[in-house]
Amino acid sequence: MSWQHFVVHQMDYKFTEDWFAQAIPAWKLLRPLMRERKRFLEIGSFEGRSTVWTVENLLDDGGTITCIDTWSGSTEHHNQNMVEVEERFDHNQNLLSDRFPARRVFKVKGPSYNALKSQTYGFDMVYIDGSHHGLDVMTDACLAWPLLKNGGFLIFDDYEWMPNLPPAQTPKLAIDTFLTLLDGSYSVFIKSYQVIIKKEKNDPRGH
């Protein structure tokens, strides 16, 4: 696949927001570093922009991406009609199914702390972009980490989001605490607005 294909093709997809474009340069670099690109997990999907890009550019044929979201929104979505947001996700998912029938998108609607309990070990990449509240971010990370393969990548979004808010209301403290607790179990690929780490073989709880 040539690098010019690393785009989200806009044709017929329905998006009203783009919070993902800034992540694309780093995500492009992940493709040659991933041992396999068969099972991806996304926590927080909104309209599916990152889902579309991942299916188009990272996921191999025969692969799956599991998308977990409540589609009920949170405080920062007060101006969004979340019913319409979910409808746009469904529309985009249907287009992906038509265009990439060998790459499947699984939609799981509900709180991530419930949905993650039903997932099994073996994801090549996990993307955490759900709730911004620290406890929720920590919960997602702790539940998702055992599901990630050794050598897989864990991506946190919004590390630098709203730094003036109390620490418990943003992802940063939770991410820093998680990284401290698992020191020695990962290598840092990037630490900026997103934090991307690679799970290493010496994970003390690893498989």
C-alpha atoms as a PDB file:
ATOM      1  CA  MET A   1       0.000   0.000   0.000  1.00  0.00           C
ATOM      2  CA  SER A   2       1.495   3.332  -1.027  1.00  0.00           C
ATOM      3  CA  TRP A   3       1.648   6.214   1.428  1.00  0.00           C
ATOM      4  CA  GLN A   4      -0.767   8.343  -0.595  1.00  0.00           C
ATOM      5  CA  HIS A   5      -3.495   5.936   0.474  1.00  0.00           C
ATOM      6  CA  PHE A   6      -3.105   6.938   4.118  1.00  0.00           C
ATOM      7  CA  VAL A   7      -6.191   9.154   4.086  1.00  0.00           C
ATOM      8  CA  VAL A   8      -9.805   8.900   5.067  1.00  0.00           C
ATOM      9  CA  HIS A   9     -11.659   8.962   1.771  1.00  0.00           C
ATOM     10  CA  GLN A  10     -14.450  11.464   2.276  1.00  0.00           C
ATOM     11  CA  MET A  11     -16.752  10.119  -0.409  1.00  0.00           C
ATOM     12  CA  ASP A  12     -20.157   9.337   1.092  1.00  0.00           C
ATOM     13  CA  TYR A  13     -18.964   9.144   4.706  1.00  0.00           C
ATOM     14  CA  LYS A  14     -20.786  11.400   7.157  1.00  0.00           C
ATOM     15  CA  PHE A  15     -18.673  13.381   9.629  1.00  0.00           C
ATOM     16  CA  THR A  16     -19.278  16.632  11.484  1.00  0.00           C
ATOM     17  CA  GLU A  17     -16.096  16.661  13.596  1.00  0.00           C
ATOM     18  CA  ASP A  18     -12.432  15.928  12.992  1.00  0.00           C
ATOM     19  CA  TRP A  19     -10.513  15.304  16.202  1.00  0.00           C
ATOM     20  CA  PHE A  20      -8.432  12.566  14.590  1.00  0.00           C
ATOM     21  CA  ALA A  21      -6.391  14.188  11.807  1.00  0.00           C
ATOM     22  CA  GLN A  22      -3.605  15.247  14.155  1.00  0.00           C
ATOM     23  CA  ALA A  23      -2.987  11.600  15.056  1.00  0.00           C
ATOM     24  CA  ILE A  24      -2.507  10.351  11.496  1.00  0.00           C
ATOM     25  CA  PRO A  25       1.230  11.158  11.102  1.00  0.00           C
ATOM     26  CA  ALA A  26       2.099   8.992  14.124  1.00  0.00           C
ATOM     27  CA  TRP A  27      -0.364   6.243  13.214  1.00  0.00           C
ATOM     28  CA  LYS A  28       1.164   5.972   9.742  1.00  0.00           C
ATOM     29  CA  LEU A  29       4.433   4.961  11.357  1.00  0.00           C
ATOM     30  CA  LEU A  30       2.807   2.120  13.282  1.00  0.00           C
ATOM     31  CA  ARG A  31       1.926  -0.010  10.267  1.00  0.00           C
ATOM     32  CA  PRO A  32       5.427  -1.387   9.534  1.00  0.00           C
ATOM     33  CA  LEU A  33       6.063  -1.874  13.262  1.00  0.00           C
ATOM     34  CA  MET A  34       3.043  -4.069  13.911  1.00  0.00           C
ATOM     35  CA  ARG A  35       3.670  -7.803  13.857  1.00  0.00           C
ATOM     36  CA  GLU A  36       0.079  -8.434  12.853  1.00  0.00           C
ATOM     37  CA  ARG A  37      -2.875  -6.210  11.959  1.00  0.00           C
ATOM     38  CA  LYS A  38      -5.748  -8.609  12.522  1.00  0.00           C
ATOM     39  CA  ARG A  39      -7.540  -7.510  15.706  1.00  0.00           C
ATOM     40  CA  PHE A  40      -8.049  -3.919  16.794  1.00  0.00           C
ATOM     41  CA  LEU A  41     -10.033  -2.517  19.704  1.00  0.00           C
ATOM     42  CA  GLU A  42     -11.381   1.024  19.906  1.00  0.00           C
ATOM     43  CA  ILE A  43     -12.925   2.505  23.049  1.00  0.00           C
ATOM     44  CA  GLY A  44     -14.851   5.616  22.076  1.00  0.00           C
ATOM     45  CA  SER A  45     -15.870   5.759  18.419  1.00  0.00           C
ATOM     46  CA  PHE A  46     -18.258   8.738  18.079  1.00  0.00           C
ATOM     47  CA  GLU A  47     -18.987   9.085  14.325  1.00  0.00           C
ATOM     48  CA  GLY A  48     -16.345   6.542  13.358  1.00  0.00           C
ATOM     49  CA  ARG A  49     -13.691   8.753  11.788  1.00  0.00           C
ATOM     50  CA  SER A  50     -10.810   6.887  13.423  1.00  0.00           C
ATOM     51  CA  THR A  51     -12.600   3.620  12.686  1.00  0.00           C
ATOM     52  CA  VAL A  52     -12.781   4.430   8.987  1.00  0.00           C
ATOM     53  CA  TRP A  53      -9.129   5.429   8.823  1.00  0.00           C
ATOM     54  CA  THR A  54      -8.041   2.303  10.672  1.00  0.00           C
ATOM     55  CA  VAL A  55     -10.034  -0.025   8.434  1.00  0.00           C
ATOM     56  CA  GLU A  56      -8.805   1.708   5.290  1.00  0.00           C
ATOM     57  CA  ASN A  57      -5.145   1.990   6.265  1.00  0.00           C
ATOM     58  CA  LEU A  58      -4.134  -0.425   9.032  1.00  0.00           C
ATOM     59  CA  LEU A  59      -6.447  -3.420   9.206  1.00  0.00           C
ATOM     60  CA  ASP A  60      -5.539  -6.362   6.999  1.00  0.00           C
ATOM     61  CA  ASP A  61      -8.051  -8.458   5.104  1.00  0.00           C
ATOM     62  CA  GLY A  62      -9.575 -11.001   7.434  1.00  0.00           C
ATOM     63  CA  GLY A  63      -9.150  -8.607  10.341  1.00  0.00           C
ATOM     64  CA  THR A  64     -11.647  -7.083  12.758  1.00  0.00           C
ATOM     65  CA  ILE A  65     -12.045  -3.889  14.727  1.00  0.00           C
ATOM     66  CA  THR A  66     -14.285  -3.857  17.793  1.00  0.00           C
ATOM     67  CA  CYS A  67     -15.793  -0.438  18.544  1.00  0.00           C
ATOM     68  CA  ILE A  68     -17.094   0.196  22.063  1.00  0.00           C
ATOM     69  CA  ASP A  69     -19.155   3.294  22.845  1.00  0.00           C
ATOM     70  CA  THR A  70     -22.293   4.236  24.742  1.00  0.00           C
ATOM     71  CA  TRP A  71     -23.251   6.792  22.099  1.00  0.00           C
ATOM     72  CA  SER A  72     -24.800   8.780  24.924  1.00  0.00           C
ATOM     73  CA  GLY A  73     -22.118  11.470  25.009  1.00  0.00           C
ATOM     74  CA  SER A  74     -20.715  13.363  27.977  1.00  0.00           C
ATOM     75  CA  THR A  75     -20.428  16.954  29.147  1.00  0.00           C
ATOM     76  CA  GLU A  76     -18.278  18.051  26.198  1.00  0.00           C
ATOM     77  CA  HIS A  77     -20.954  16.747  23.814  1.00  0.00           C
ATOM     78  CA  HIS A  78     -23.751  18.920  25.188  1.00  0.00           C
ATOM     79  CA  ASN A  79     -24.277  20.528  21.772  1.00  0.00           C
ATOM     80  CA  GLN A  80     -24.396  17.198  19.952  1.00  0.00           C
ATOM     81  CA  ASN A  81     -27.470  15.149  19.122  1.00  0.00           C
ATOM     82  CA  MET A  82     -26.059  11.765  20.091  1.00  0.00           C
ATOM     83  CA  VAL A  83     -28.836   9.859  18.316  1.00  0.00           C
ATOM     84  CA  GLU A  84     -27.667  11.463  15.090  1.00  0.00           C
ATOM     85  CA  VAL A  85     -24.021  10.819  15.991  1.00  0.00           C
ATOM     86  CA  GLU A  86     -24.768   7.110  16.352  1.00  0.00           C
ATOM     87  CA  GLU A  87     -26.704   7.137  13.090  1.00  0.00           C
ATOM     88  CA  ARG A  88     -23.662   8.593  11.344  1.00  0.00           C
ATOM     89  CA  PHE A  89     -21.456   5.900  12.871  1.00  0.00           C
ATOM     90  CA  ASP A  90     -23.859   3.228  11.620  1.00  0.00           C
ATOM     91  CA  HIS A  91     -23.925   4.809   8.158  1.00  0.00           C
ATOM     92  CA  ASN A  92     -20.129   4.895   8.014  1.00  0.00           C
ATOM     93  CA  GLN A  93     -19.885   1.332   9.318  1.00  0.00           C
ATOM     94  CA  ASN A  94     -22.239   0.156   6.568  1.00  0.00           C
ATOM     95  CA  LEU A  95     -20.111   1.868   3.926  1.00  0.00           C
ATOM     96  CA  LEU A  96     -17.015   0.173   5.309  1.00  0.00           C
ATOM     97  CA  SER A  97     -18.766  -3.193   5.119  1.00  0.00           C
ATOM     98  CA  ASP A  98     -19.600  -2.562   1.470  1.00  0.00           C
ATOM     99  CA  ARG A  99     -16.137  -1.325   0.521  1.00  0.00           C
ATOM    100  CA  PHE A 100     -14.044  -3.698   2.622  1.00  0.00           C
ATOM    101  CA  PRO A 101     -16.080  -6.910   3.001  1.00  0.00           C
ATOM    102  CA  ALA A 102     -12.968  -8.789   4.145  1.00  0.00           C
ATOM    103  CA  ARG A 103     -12.459  -6.380   7.082  1.00  0.00           C
ATOM    104  CA  ARG A 104     -15.180  -6.479   9.726  1.00  0.00           C
ATOM    105  CA  VAL A 105     -16.365  -3.810  12.162  1.00  0.00           C
ATOM    106  CA  PHE A 106     -18.062  -5.014  15.347  1.00  0.00           C
ATOM    107  CA  LYS A 107     -20.148  -2.417  17.173  1.00  0.00           C
ATOM    108  CA  VAL A 108     -20.562  -2.902  20.927  1.00  0.00           C
ATOM    109  CA  LYS A 109     -22.938  -0.400  22.528  1.00  0.00           C
ATOM    110  CA  GLY A 110     -22.614   0.052  26.266  1.00  0.00           C
ATOM    111  CA  PRO A 111     -20.243   1.163  29.035  1.00  0.00           C
ATOM    112  CA  SER A 112     -16.688   0.105  28.352  1.00  0.00           C
ATOM    113  CA  TYR A 113     -16.248  -1.367  31.844  1.00  0.00           C
ATOM    114  CA  ASN A 114     -18.925  -3.915  30.954  1.00  0.00           C
ATOM    115  CA  ALA A 115     -18.061  -4.433  27.307  1.00  0.00           C
ATOM    116  CA  LEU A 116     -14.365  -5.046  27.923  1.00  0.00           C
ATOM    117  CA  LYS A 117     -15.114  -7.953  30.240  1.00  0.00           C
ATOM    118  CA  SER A 118     -16.527  -9.919  27.300  1.00  0.00           C
ATOM    119  CA  GLN A 119     -13.451  -9.417  25.090  1.00  0.00           C
ATOM    120  CA  THR A 120     -10.670 -11.967  24.763  1.00  0.00           C
ATOM    121  CA  TYR A 121      -6.900 -11.741  24.655  1.00  0.00           C
ATOM    122  CA  GLY A 122      -5.212 -11.139  21.313  1.00  0.00           C
ATOM    123  CA  PHE A 123      -5.607  -7.542  20.154  1.00  0.00           C
ATOM    124  CA  ASP A 124      -2.816  -6.061  18.051  1.00  0.00           C
ATOM    125  CA  MET A 125      -3.792  -2.510  18.917  1.00  0.00           C
ATOM    126  CA  VAL A 126      -6.022  -0.873  21.530  1.00  0.00           C
ATOM    127  CA  TYR A 127      -7.128   2.745  21.198  1.00  0.00           C
ATOM    128  CA  ILE A 128      -8.525   4.425  24.331  1.00  0.00           C
ATOM    129  CA  ASP A 129     -10.561   7.520  23.452  1.00  0.00           C
ATOM    130  CA  GLY A 130     -13.668   7.244  25.595  1.00  0.00           C
ATOM    131  CA  SER A 131     -14.468   9.180  28.743  1.00  0.00           C
ATOM    132  CA  HIS A 132     -12.045  11.942  29.731  1.00  0.00           C
ATOM    133  CA  HIS A 133     -12.540  11.426  33.464  1.00  0.00           C
ATOM    134  CA  GLY A 134      -9.429  10.045  35.094  1.00  0.00           C
ATOM    135  CA  LEU A 135     -11.050   7.085  36.837  1.00  0.00           C
ATOM    136  CA  ASP A 136     -12.734   6.001  33.589  1.00  0.00           C
ATOM    137  CA  VAL A 137      -9.461   6.256  31.669  1.00  0.00           C
ATOM    138  CA  MET A 138      -7.666   4.195  34.322  1.00  0.00           C
ATOM    139  CA  THR A 139     -10.446   1.592  34.299  1.00  0.00           C
ATOM    140  CA  ASP A 140     -10.326   1.297  30.506  1.00  0.00           C
ATOM    141  CA  ALA A 141      -6.550   0.943  30.548  1.00  0.00           C
ATOM    142  CA  CYS A 142      -6.508  -1.683  33.301  1.00  0.00           C
ATOM    143  CA  LEU A 143      -9.199  -3.769  31.605  1.00  0.00           C
ATOM    144  CA  ALA A 144      -7.731  -3.412  28.106  1.00  0.00           C
ATOM    145  CA  TRP A 145      -4.065  -4.070  28.913  1.00  0.00           C
ATOM    146  CA  PRO A 146      -4.470  -7.824  29.554  1.00  0.00           C
ATOM    147  CA  LEU A 147      -6.294  -8.101  26.207  1.00  0.00           C
ATOM    148  CA  LEU A 148      -3.331  -6.672  24.272  1.00  0.00           C
ATOM    149  CA  LYS A 149      -0.771  -8.994  22.724  1.00  0.00           C
ATOM    150  CA  ASN A 150       2.854  -8.741  23.712  1.00  0.00           C
ATOM    151  CA  GLY A 151       4.306  -6.546  20.983  1.00  0.00           C
ATOM    152  CA  GLY A 152       0.960  -4.818  20.488  1.00  0.00           C
ATOM    153  CA  PHE A 153       0.332  -1.087  20.777  1.00  0.00           C
ATOM    154  CA  LEU A 154      -1.805   0.779  23.303  1.00  0.00           C
ATOM    155  CA  ILE A 155      -2.835   4.312  22.345  1.00  0.00           C
ATOM    156  CA  PHE A 156      -4.227   6.918  24.723  1.00  0.00           C
ATOM    157  CA  ASP A 157      -5.884  10.002  23.280  1.00  0.00           C
ATOM    158  CA  ASP A 158      -6.219  13.435  24.915  1.00  0.00           C
ATOM    159  CA  TYR A 159      -3.163  13.256  27.183  1.00  0.00           C
ATOM    160  CA  GLU A 160      -2.891  17.053  27.084  1.00  0.00           C
ATOM    161  CA  TRP A 161      -6.641  17.741  27.025  1.00  0.00           C
ATOM    162  CA  MET A 162      -7.928  20.681  29.110  1.00  0.00           C
ATOM    163  CA  PRO A 163      -4.902  21.058  31.443  1.00  0.00           C
ATOM    164  CA  ASN A 164      -6.665  23.725  33.536  1.00  0.00           C
ATOM    165  CA  LEU A 165      -9.319  21.304  34.777  1.00  0.00           C
ATOM    166  CA  PRO A 166      -8.824  19.420  38.079  1.00  0.00           C
ATOM    167  CA  PRO A 167      -6.532  16.406  37.446  1.00  0.00           C
ATOM    168  CA  ALA A 168      -9.259  13.876  38.242  1.00  0.00           C
ATOM    169  CA  GLN A 169     -11.369  15.275  35.398  1.00  0.00           C
ATOM    170  CA  THR A 170      -8.765  14.774  32.672  1.00  0.00           C
ATOM    171  CA  PRO A 171      -6.910  11.756  31.264  1.00  0.00           C
ATOM    172  CA  LYS A 172      -3.350  12.897  32.069  1.00  0.00           C
ATOM    173  CA  LEU A 173      -3.091  11.845  35.729  1.00  0.00           C
ATOM    174  CA  ALA A 174      -4.656   8.466  34.991  1.00  0.00           C
ATOM    175  CA  ILE A 175      -2.306   7.847  32.078  1.00  0.00           C
ATOM    176  CA  ASP A 176       0.754   8.881  34.095  1.00  0.00           C
ATOM    177  CA  THR A 177      -0.310   6.651  36.991  1.00  0.00           C
ATOM    178  CA  PHE A 178      -0.935   3.704  34.682  1.00  0.00           C
ATOM    179  CA  LEU A 179       2.475   4.129  33.061  1.00  0.00           C
ATOM    180  CA  THR A 180       4.141   4.316  36.475  1.00  0.00           C
ATOM    181  CA  LEU A 181       2.430   1.157  37.699  1.00  0.00           C
ATOM    182  CA  LEU A 182       3.483  -0.778  34.590  1.00  0.00           C
ATOM    183  CA  ASP A 183       6.999   0.616  34.351  1.00  0.00           C
ATOM    184  CA  GLY A 184       9.240  -1.957  32.691  1.00  0.00           C
ATOM    185  CA  SER A 185       6.361  -3.569  30.819  1.00  0.00           C
ATOM    186  CA  TYR A 186       6.332  -1.270  27.801  1.00  0.00           C
ATOM    187  CA  SER A 187       8.360   1.032  25.600  1.00  0.00           C
ATOM    188  CA  VAL A 188       7.171   4.528  24.704  1.00  0.00           C
ATOM    189  CA  PHE A 189       6.641   5.144  21.004  1.00  0.00           C
ATOM    190  CA  ILE A 190       5.338   8.701  21.330  1.00  0.00           C
ATOM    191  CA  LYS A 191       4.238  10.933  24.197  1.00  0.00           C
ATOM    192  CA  SER A 192       2.505  14.089  23.047  1.00  0.00           C
ATOM    193  CA  TYR A 193      -1.216  14.832  22.731  1.00  0.00           C
ATOM    194  CA  GLN A 194      -1.480  11.092  22.262  1.00  0.00           C
ATOM    195  CA  VAL A 195       0.552   8.539  24.175  1.00  0.00           C
ATOM    196  CA  ILE A 196       1.491   5.392  22.268  1.00  0.00           C
ATOM    197  CA  ILE A 197       3.233   2.530  24.015  1.00  0.00           C
ATOM    198  CA  LYS A 198       4.328  -0.922  22.898  1.00  0.00           C
ATOM    199  CA  LYS A 199       3.668  -3.839  25.216  1.00  0.00           C
ATOM    200  CA  GLU A 200       6.907  -5.730  25.780  1.00  0.00           C
ATOM    201  CA  LYS A 201       7.512  -9.400  26.506  1.00  0.00           C
ATOM    202  CA  ASN A 202       8.518  -8.716  30.093  1.00  0.00           C
ATOM    203  CA  ASP A 203       4.979  -7.722  31.072  1.00  0.00           C
ATOM    204  CA  PRO A 204       4.721  -9.172  34.605  1.00  0.00           C
ATOM    205  CA  ARG A 205       1.116 -10.227  33.949  1.00  0.00           C
ATOM    206  CA  GLY A 206       1.736 -11.071  30.303  1.00  0.00           C
ATOM    207  CA  HIS A 207       0.786 -13.996  28.141  1.00  0.00           C
END
